[in-house]
Amino acid sequence: MKRLTGIAAGIAMMMSMCAPSQKEATTVKSVINGESSRSIAQSIGIGWNLGNQLDAYKDGVAEETSWGNAACTQALIDSVAAAGFSTIRIPITWLGHVGEAPDYKIESRWMERIAEIVGWAEEAGLKAIINIHHDGADSQHWLNIREAAKSDSANQAIEQQIAAMWKQIAERFEGKGDFLIFEAFNEIHDGGWGWGENRKDDGRQYEVLNHWNQVFVDAVRSSGGKNIDRYLAVPGYVTNPSLTIEHLIMPRDTAENKIIVAMHYYDPFDYTLSDKYSEWGHTADKEKADKYGDEEGMKKTFAKIREAFVDKGIAVYFGEVGCVRRDNERAESFRRYYLEYIAKAAKENGLAMIYWDNGYSGAGQEQSGLFDRSNGLFLNDDAKEATQAMTRGYNEENEAYTLESIYDGAPL
């Protein structure tokens, strides 16, 4: 998801909130494993997005600093691990770094920068996820599901590029072990965010995306090395939980139990992202809270996901969740409550969860940063407390610490 620019916190404030030590970071288990969908998801655990970085682009060319963030550093990745996160999702836009048909050769400089950051994640003991991100944004670029659904020839050309690019990516990382997941695509849709032509084209866009996922799996598996049984993630339409449950068809695979379903969860949008509302949940002021997407709504959605996939042996992760920072303590207390509650709800339903950090330190719409990209320090006290709420929600194992106990401790 694209995020707009913001203002970095003051140097003095950042220096007063030192990042956790590298020694702590090395204790994180860095291999994805498990015999069940729940144990695979728990192995991925609570994660963090390097958002608005390698996915950023300007004038049709991806470049990591083009949306205002400083270049990623090893110190940042170490801090993410030390803060209690177990996985880093590295969204990647490839625009401007891919050659012409039929080879679609990926520029070496861009591939090696990605490899450098993946290497930092490995050194820090993090699991890592890489993908094709904004190339499919709103069907504005080559990964255009709107045109693919209308034209077989357009779809064929897109599938050829998907296969060529994923084969190159897979070959570059063929020696990397089970800390690294390949995620096929990000939020694929026609520009309508799930309310466009997909609602009236007799399922054509869903059919196209299902086949794109199959092309992705086949390309990776054919590339050899450790890719023959690497964990792969496939999204449903626009990564929407309901549309995914209804329309995703799992790809055929030569490896057993190695495909994960990727969804996003930003409900209720007018609370988590647009900042129209400042409070959430059963104790919220009803004038300051949305009318849907409260605790019961979240529990019902997560239960549907669990029944559709987890209970059938298919692992699921939320590749993006988030909630923007507010400008006052009462609103921030509801933000912390939301993040803690969703983390615990994900854990209890056998789902992994990855927070969307776009690096921005302000308050209000699109301001969801946690870490300073240049040095790994928390952007502010609110970022530190939000991180602690999430990681506590997912990682705490005390039997007395339950979803109900979090609910009972909601802000008053």
Protein backbone atom coordinates (compact mmCIF):
# COMPACT_ATOMS: atom_id res chain seq x y z
CA MET A 1 0.00 0.00 0.00
CA LYS A 2 1.37 3.43 -0.94
CA ARG A 3 2.09 5.89 1.86
CA LEU A 4 2.65 9.65 1.60
CA THR A 5 5.67 11.50 2.97
CA GLY A 6 6.01 12.70 6.57
CA ILE A 7 8.49 14.49 8.86
CA ALA A 8 11.20 12.62 10.79
CA ALA A 9 11.30 13.00 14.57
CA GLY A 10 13.91 15.29 16.11
CA ILE A 11 17.41 13.95 16.53
CA ALA A 12 17.39 14.54 20.27
CA MET A 13 14.18 12.58 20.72
CA MET A 14 15.47 9.70 18.62
CA MET A 15 18.74 9.50 20.51
CA SER A 16 16.86 9.27 23.80
CA MET A 17 15.05 6.12 22.67
CA CYS A 18 17.86 3.75 21.83
CA ALA A 19 17.12 0.65 19.81
CA PRO A 20 17.43 -2.78 21.43
CA SER A 21 20.78 -4.53 21.20
CA GLN A 22 21.99 -6.84 18.44
CA LYS A 23 22.66 -9.48 21.10
CA GLU A 24 18.91 -9.66 21.77
CA ALA A 25 18.16 -9.85 18.04
CA THR A 26 20.22 -12.99 17.52
CA THR A 27 17.89 -14.99 19.76
CA VAL A 28 15.10 -14.91 17.16
CA LYS A 29 14.55 -18.24 15.38
CA SER A 30 15.15 -17.71 11.67
CA VAL A 31 13.64 -20.80 10.06
CA ILE A 32 10.03 -21.21 8.99
CA ASN A 33 8.83 -24.66 9.91
CA GLY A 34 5.91 -26.58 11.31
CA GLU A 35 3.78 -29.62 10.75
CA SER A 36 0.48 -27.74 10.75
CA SER A 37 -0.93 -24.52 9.33
CA ARG A 38 -0.95 -23.03 12.82
CA SER A 39 2.66 -23.91 13.57
CA ILE A 40 3.82 -22.54 10.20
CA ALA A 41 2.00 -19.27 10.86
CA GLN A 42 3.36 -19.10 14.40
CA SER A 43 6.85 -19.62 13.00
CA ILE A 44 6.33 -16.52 10.83
CA GLY A 45 4.78 -14.85 13.87
CA ILE A 46 4.54 -11.10 14.30
CA GLY A 47 6.25 -9.19 11.51
CA TRP A 48 7.12 -5.74 10.21
CA ASN A 49 6.97 -4.16 6.74
CA LEU A 50 9.82 -2.17 5.22
CA GLY A 51 7.09 -0.07 3.58
CA ASN A 52 7.57 2.86 1.20
CA GLN A 53 11.16 1.80 0.63
CA LEU A 54 11.99 -0.67 -2.15
CA ASP A 55 8.35 -0.41 -3.24
CA ALA A 56 8.63 3.37 -3.75
CA TYR A 57 8.74 4.75 -7.29
CA LYS A 58 8.65 7.99 -9.22
CA ASP A 59 8.05 8.63 -12.92
CA GLY A 60 7.81 4.91 -13.57
CA VAL A 61 11.09 3.98 -11.87
CA ALA A 62 11.40 2.28 -8.48
CA GLU A 63 13.94 3.85 -6.13
CA GLU A 64 14.06 3.35 -2.38
CA THR A 65 14.36 6.99 -1.31
CA SER A 66 11.83 8.46 -3.76
CA TRP A 67 9.02 8.65 -1.17
CA GLY A 68 11.08 10.41 1.46
CA ASN A 69 12.63 7.61 3.49
CA ALA A 70 16.37 7.36 4.03
CA ALA A 71 18.12 4.31 2.60
CA CYS A 72 17.70 1.15 4.64
CA THR A 73 20.55 0.17 6.97
CA GLN A 74 21.70 -2.95 8.81
CA ALA A 75 21.06 -1.06 12.06
CA LEU A 76 17.38 -0.74 11.15
CA ILE A 77 17.00 -4.45 10.44
CA ASP A 78 18.80 -5.38 13.67
CA SER A 79 16.46 -3.10 15.64
CA VAL A 80 13.36 -4.67 14.10
CA ALA A 81 14.52 -8.09 15.27
CA ALA A 82 15.53 -6.87 18.71
CA ALA A 83 12.14 -5.18 19.21
CA GLY A 84 10.39 -8.56 19.16
CA PHE A 85 9.42 -8.94 15.51
CA SER A 86 10.26 -12.28 13.91
CA THR A 87 9.64 -11.55 10.22
CA ILE A 88 10.35 -8.69 7.83
CA ARG A 89 8.27 -8.22 4.69
CA ILE A 90 10.24 -6.37 2.02
CA PRO A 91 7.79 -4.98 -0.57
CA ILE A 92 9.53 -4.52 -3.92
CA THR A 93 8.46 -2.58 -7.00
CA TRP A 94 10.40 -3.53 -10.14
CA LEU A 95 9.30 -0.71 -12.43
CA GLY A 96 12.13 0.78 -14.46
CA HIS A 97 14.48 -2.09 -13.67
CA VAL A 98 13.19 -4.70 -16.12
CA GLY A 99 14.21 -5.12 -19.76
CA GLU A 100 12.10 -5.77 -22.82
CA ALA A 101 10.37 -8.97 -23.90
CA PRO A 102 10.99 -11.83 -24.19
CA ASP A 103 13.73 -11.99 -21.55
CA TYR A 104 12.49 -9.26 -19.19
CA LYS A 105 15.97 -9.15 -17.69
CA ILE A 106 16.08 -7.58 -14.24
CA GLU A 107 18.75 -4.94 -13.67
CA SER A 108 21.62 -6.34 -11.63
CA ARG A 109 21.98 -3.24 -9.43
CA TRP A 110 18.38 -3.44 -8.25
CA MET A 111 18.53 -7.19 -7.64
CA GLU A 112 21.72 -6.88 -5.63
CA ARG A 113 20.32 -4.12 -3.42
CA ILE A 114 17.40 -6.41 -2.63
CA ALA A 115 19.82 -9.26 -1.93
CA GLU A 116 21.79 -7.02 0.43
CA ILE A 117 18.73 -6.28 2.57
CA VAL A 118 17.63 -9.94 2.51
CA GLY A 119 21.12 -10.78 3.74
CA TRP A 120 20.80 -8.28 6.60
CA ALA A 121 17.51 -9.91 7.59
CA GLU A 122 19.16 -13.32 7.61
CA GLU A 123 22.03 -12.03 9.76
CA ALA A 124 19.54 -10.51 12.22
CA GLY A 125 17.71 -13.82 12.60
CA LEU A 126 14.55 -12.66 10.83
CA LYS A 127 12.37 -14.50 8.40
CA ALA A 128 11.94 -12.46 5.21
CA ILE A 129 9.28 -12.05 2.53
CA ILE A 130 9.93 -10.50 -0.90
CA ASN A 131 7.32 -9.83 -3.57
CA ILE A 132 6.22 -7.96 -6.69
CA HIS A 133 4.45 -4.93 -5.19
CA HIS A 134 3.32 -1.75 -7.00
CA ASP A 135 3.85 -3.17 -10.50
CA GLY A 136 0.18 -4.14 -10.15
CA ALA A 137 -0.97 -0.94 -8.44
CA ASP A 138 -4.54 -0.10 -9.53
CA SER A 139 -3.85 -1.82 -12.90
CA GLN A 140 -1.74 1.21 -13.87
CA HIS A 141 1.41 -0.63 -14.95
CA TRP A 142 2.40 -3.86 -16.71
CA LEU A 143 0.75 -6.13 -14.13
CA ASN A 144 -2.69 -5.02 -15.28
CA ILE A 145 -5.52 -7.35 -14.34
CA ARG A 146 -8.14 -5.08 -15.87
CA GLU A 147 -6.66 -5.49 -19.35
CA ALA A 148 -5.74 -9.13 -18.79
CA ALA A 149 -9.38 -9.93 -18.03
CA LYS A 150 -10.49 -8.30 -21.29
CA SER A 151 -7.80 -9.58 -23.66
CA ASP A 152 -6.27 -13.05 -23.93
CA SER A 153 -3.26 -11.66 -25.78
CA ALA A 154 -2.67 -9.05 -23.06
CA ASN A 155 -2.98 -11.72 -20.41
CA GLN A 156 -0.56 -14.01 -22.21
CA ALA A 157 2.07 -11.26 -22.38
CA ILE A 158 1.63 -10.51 -18.68
CA GLU A 159 1.95 -14.18 -17.76
CA GLN A 160 5.15 -14.44 -19.78
CA GLN A 161 6.61 -11.53 -17.84
CA ILE A 162 5.47 -12.98 -14.50
CA ALA A 163 7.18 -16.26 -15.33
CA ALA A 164 10.38 -14.62 -16.57
CA MET A 165 10.73 -12.29 -13.60
CA TRP A 166 9.96 -14.84 -10.91
CA LYS A 167 12.36 -17.33 -12.47
CA GLN A 168 15.14 -14.74 -12.27
CA ILE A 169 14.27 -13.78 -8.70
CA ALA A 170 14.11 -17.41 -7.68
CA GLU A 171 17.43 -18.21 -9.31
CA ARG A 172 19.12 -15.29 -7.57
CA PHE A 173 17.99 -16.61 -4.17
CA GLU A 174 18.04 -20.35 -4.91
CA GLY A 175 20.63 -20.98 -2.18
CA LYS A 176 18.68 -19.24 0.58
CA GLY A 177 16.96 -21.49 3.08
CA ASP A 178 13.57 -21.55 4.72
CA PHE A 179 13.86 -18.13 6.31
CA LEU A 180 12.89 -16.62 2.91
CA ILE A 181 9.36 -16.60 1.46
CA PHE A 182 8.44 -15.50 -2.04
CA GLU A 183 5.08 -13.68 -2.18
CA ALA A 184 3.64 -13.57 -5.70
CA PHE A 185 1.96 -10.15 -5.75
CA ASN A 186 0.54 -7.40 -3.57
CA GLU A 187 -2.97 -5.89 -3.83
CA ILE A 188 -4.03 -6.94 -7.32
CA HIS A 189 -7.20 -5.20 -8.50
CA ASP A 190 -8.60 -3.16 -11.39
CA GLY A 191 -8.57 0.22 -9.64
CA GLY A 192 -11.83 -0.32 -7.77
CA TRP A 193 -10.35 -1.88 -4.63
CA GLY A 194 -12.68 -4.86 -4.88
CA TRP A 195 -15.72 -2.82 -5.98
CA GLY A 196 -14.90 -2.49 -9.66
CA GLU A 197 -15.41 -4.62 -12.75
CA ASN A 198 -14.62 -7.73 -10.71
CA ARG A 199 -18.19 -7.51 -9.37
CA LYS A 200 -19.77 -7.84 -12.81
CA ASP A 201 -17.37 -9.69 -15.12
CA ASP A 202 -18.63 -13.20 -14.28
CA GLY A 203 -15.52 -13.95 -12.25
CA ARG A 204 -13.02 -13.30 -15.02
CA GLN A 205 -10.58 -11.25 -12.90
CA TYR A 206 -10.65 -13.87 -10.14
CA GLU A 207 -9.91 -16.53 -12.74
CA VAL A 208 -6.99 -14.51 -14.12
CA LEU A 209 -5.44 -13.95 -10.69
CA ASN A 210 -5.77 -17.63 -9.82
CA HIS A 211 -3.88 -18.50 -12.98
CA TRP A 212 -1.24 -15.83 -12.32
CA ASN A 213 -0.66 -17.48 -8.94
CA GLN A 214 -0.19 -20.81 -10.72
CA VAL A 215 2.30 -19.27 -13.17
CA PHE A 216 4.22 -17.90 -10.19
CA VAL A 217 4.37 -21.27 -8.42
CA ASP A 218 5.43 -23.09 -11.57
CA ALA A 219 8.16 -20.54 -12.34
CA VAL A 220 9.66 -20.75 -8.85
CA ARG A 221 9.52 -24.53 -8.63
CA SER A 222 11.23 -24.91 -12.03
CA SER A 223 14.19 -22.76 -10.98
CA GLY A 224 15.93 -25.39 -8.88
CA GLY A 225 18.01 -25.18 -5.74
CA LYS A 226 16.07 -24.67 -2.53
CA ASN A 227 13.16 -23.29 -4.53
CA ILE A 228 11.82 -26.79 -5.14
CA ASP A 229 10.18 -26.71 -1.72
CA ARG A 230 10.45 -23.08 -0.59
CA TYR A 231 7.44 -21.55 1.18
CA LEU A 232 5.44 -19.48 -1.31
CA ALA A 233 2.61 -17.03 -0.61
CA VAL A 234 -0.29 -16.25 -2.93
CA PRO A 235 -2.85 -13.44 -2.54
CA GLY A 236 -6.55 -13.39 -3.18
CA TYR A 237 -8.17 -10.52 -5.03
CA VAL A 238 -6.97 -7.18 -3.57
CA THR A 239 -5.89 -9.30 -0.53
CA ASN A 240 -9.42 -8.78 0.84
CA PRO A 241 -10.36 -11.54 3.31
CA SER A 242 -13.93 -12.00 2.04
CA LEU A 243 -12.97 -12.02 -1.64
CA THR A 244 -10.07 -14.35 -0.90
CA ILE A 245 -12.28 -16.82 0.94
CA GLU A 246 -14.85 -16.75 -1.85
CA HIS A 247 -12.68 -16.78 -4.95
CA LEU A 248 -9.11 -17.95 -4.30
CA ILE A 249 -8.25 -21.35 -5.78
CA MET A 250 -5.08 -22.77 -4.30
CA PRO A 251 -2.41 -23.43 -6.94
CA ARG A 252 -1.25 -26.96 -7.67
CA ASP A 253 2.18 -27.59 -6.20
CA THR A 254 4.89 -30.22 -6.37
CA ALA A 255 5.90 -29.50 -2.77
CA GLU A 256 3.66 -30.54 0.10
CA ASN A 257 2.07 -27.96 2.40
CA LYS A 258 4.34 -25.13 1.25
CA ILE A 259 1.83 -22.56 -0.03
CA ILE A 260 0.60 -19.81 2.29
CA VAL A 261 -2.38 -17.52 1.69
CA ALA A 262 -1.62 -13.79 1.97
CA MET A 263 -4.32 -11.30 2.99
CA HIS A 264 -4.38 -7.75 4.36
CA TYR A 265 -6.52 -6.43 7.19
CA TYR A 266 -7.17 -2.71 7.70
CA ASP A 267 -10.70 -2.81 9.12
CA PRO A 268 -12.30 -0.47 9.88
CA PHE A 269 -10.52 1.62 7.24
CA ASP A 270 -11.89 4.94 8.51
CA TYR A 271 -10.30 4.20 11.87
CA THR A 272 -7.04 2.47 10.96
CA LEU A 273 -5.96 4.50 7.93
CA SER A 274 -8.06 7.55 7.10
CA ASP A 275 -8.23 8.79 10.72
CA LYS A 276 -11.87 9.80 10.33
CA TYR A 277 -12.46 8.18 13.72
CA SER A 278 -10.11 8.34 16.69
CA GLU A 279 -11.42 5.52 18.91
CA TRP A 280 -12.18 1.82 18.50
CA GLY A 281 -13.90 -0.97 20.37
CA HIS A 282 -16.57 -1.49 23.00
CA THR A 283 -15.43 1.32 25.30
CA ALA A 284 -15.09 3.94 22.56
CA ASP A 285 -17.17 7.08 22.43
CA LYS A 286 -19.76 6.13 19.81
CA GLU A 287 -19.41 9.52 18.15
CA LYS A 288 -15.69 8.89 17.68
CA ALA A 289 -15.84 5.28 16.48
CA ASP A 290 -16.94 3.57 13.27
CA LYS A 291 -20.12 1.51 13.32
CA TYR A 292 -18.45 -1.68 12.08
CA GLY A 293 -15.23 -3.59 12.51
CA ASP A 294 -15.15 -3.66 16.31
CA GLU A 295 -13.92 -6.60 18.42
CA GLU A 296 -16.85 -8.83 17.47
CA GLY A 297 -16.49 -7.96 13.80
CA MET A 298 -12.80 -8.78 13.88
CA LYS A 299 -13.40 -12.08 15.67
CA LYS A 300 -16.04 -13.10 13.13
CA THR A 301 -13.77 -12.29 10.17
CA PHE A 302 -10.82 -14.13 11.69
CA ALA A 303 -13.02 -17.14 12.46
CA LYS A 304 -14.13 -17.28 8.82
CA ILE A 305 -10.51 -17.20 7.68
CA ARG A 306 -9.61 -19.93 10.15
CA GLU A 307 -12.46 -22.15 8.98
CA ALA A 308 -11.76 -21.57 5.28
CA PHE A 309 -8.00 -22.14 5.40
CA VAL A 310 -6.29 -22.81 8.73
CA ASP A 311 -8.60 -25.64 9.78
CA LYS A 312 -8.04 -27.22 6.35
CA GLY A 313 -4.26 -27.22 6.76
CA ILE A 314 -3.48 -24.02 4.81
CA ALA A 315 -1.34 -21.42 6.56
CA VAL A 316 -2.34 -17.75 6.40
CA TYR A 317 -0.60 -14.48 7.12
CA PHE A 318 -1.80 -10.90 7.10
CA GLY A 319 0.93 -9.31 5.00
CA GLU A 320 -0.30 -5.89 6.10
CA VAL A 321 -2.16 -4.58 9.12
CA GLY A 322 -1.84 -1.12 10.57
CA CYS A 323 -3.20 1.82 12.47
CA VAL A 324 -2.02 5.41 12.10
CA ARG A 325 -0.59 7.43 14.95
CA ARG A 326 -2.78 10.02 16.72
CA ASP A 327 -1.93 13.41 18.20
CA ASN A 328 -3.27 12.91 21.74
CA GLU A 329 -2.85 10.34 24.47
CA ARG A 330 -6.48 9.20 24.66
CA ALA A 331 -6.60 8.42 20.95
CA GLU A 332 -3.18 6.74 21.18
CA SER A 333 -4.45 4.53 24.00
CA PHE A 334 -7.15 3.20 21.64
CA ARG A 335 -4.54 2.68 18.95
CA ARG A 336 -2.42 0.59 21.31
CA TYR A 337 -5.53 -1.34 22.33
CA TYR A 338 -6.42 -2.05 18.69
CA LEU A 339 -2.90 -3.26 17.86
CA GLU A 340 -2.65 -5.46 20.93
CA TYR A 341 -6.10 -6.91 20.36
CA ILE A 342 -5.54 -7.70 16.67
CA ALA A 343 -2.19 -9.31 17.40
CA LYS A 344 -3.69 -11.58 20.04
CA ALA A 345 -6.73 -12.36 17.86
CA ALA A 346 -4.44 -13.31 14.98
CA LYS A 347 -2.38 -15.57 17.24
CA GLU A 348 -5.45 -17.29 18.69
CA ASN A 349 -6.84 -18.00 15.22
CA GLY A 350 -3.58 -19.43 13.92
CA LEU A 351 -2.64 -16.45 11.73
CA ALA A 352 0.64 -14.59 11.31
CA MET A 353 0.51 -10.78 11.22
CA ILE A 354 2.83 -8.16 9.71
CA TYR A 355 2.54 -4.47 10.62
CA TRP A 356 2.69 -1.80 7.89
CA ASP A 357 5.41 0.75 8.72
CA ASN A 358 5.85 3.47 6.09
CA GLY A 359 8.57 5.33 8.00
CA TYR A 360 6.56 8.50 8.65
CA SER A 361 6.49 10.05 12.11
CA GLY A 362 3.58 12.48 12.05
CA ALA A 363 0.02 12.00 13.27
CA GLY A 364 -3.13 11.34 11.25
CA GLN A 365 -3.78 9.90 7.83
CA GLU A 366 -0.94 7.75 6.44
CA GLN A 367 1.33 8.30 9.46
CA SER A 368 2.22 4.80 10.61
CA GLY A 369 5.99 4.78 11.12
CA LEU A 370 7.76 2.99 13.97
CA PHE A 371 11.48 3.09 13.19
CA ASP A 372 13.81 5.73 11.78
CA ARG A 373 15.12 4.19 8.55
CA SER A 374 18.58 5.69 8.84
CA ASN A 375 19.55 4.46 12.30
CA GLY A 376 16.97 2.00 13.62
CA LEU A 377 15.82 4.12 16.57
CA PHE A 378 12.14 4.40 17.43
CA LEU A 379 10.66 7.49 15.82
CA ASN A 380 8.98 8.56 19.07
CA ASP A 381 7.60 7.20 22.36
CA ASP A 382 4.29 6.38 20.68
CA ALA A 383 6.08 4.15 18.17
CA LYS A 384 7.85 2.30 20.95
CA GLU A 385 4.64 1.76 22.90
CA ALA A 386 2.71 0.63 19.80
CA THR A 387 5.47 -1.89 19.05
CA GLN A 388 5.36 -3.20 22.61
CA ALA A 389 1.57 -3.58 22.44
CA MET A 390 1.74 -5.65 19.25
CA THR A 391 4.65 -7.84 20.20
CA ARG A 392 3.13 -8.47 23.64
CA GLY A 393 -0.17 -9.39 21.99
CA TYR A 394 1.45 -11.97 19.75
CA ASN A 395 4.39 -13.25 21.78
CA GLU A 396 3.15 -13.33 25.39
CA GLU A 397 2.51 -16.94 26.51
CA ASN A 398 1.11 -16.38 30.01
CA GLU A 399 -2.08 -18.43 30.38
CA ALA A 400 -3.81 -15.56 32.17
CA TYR A 401 -3.13 -13.27 29.23
CA THR A 402 -6.04 -13.83 26.85
CA LEU A 403 -8.11 -11.98 24.28
CA GLU A 404 -10.70 -11.53 27.02
CA SER A 405 -8.18 -10.01 29.41
CA ILE A 406 -7.12 -7.52 26.75
CA TYR A 407 -10.80 -6.76 26.10
CA ASP A 408 -11.37 -6.17 29.82
CA GLY A 409 -8.43 -3.76 29.87
CA ALA A 410 -9.71 -1.54 27.05
CA PRO A 411 -9.35 2.24 27.51
CA LEU A 412 -12.16 3.87 29.50
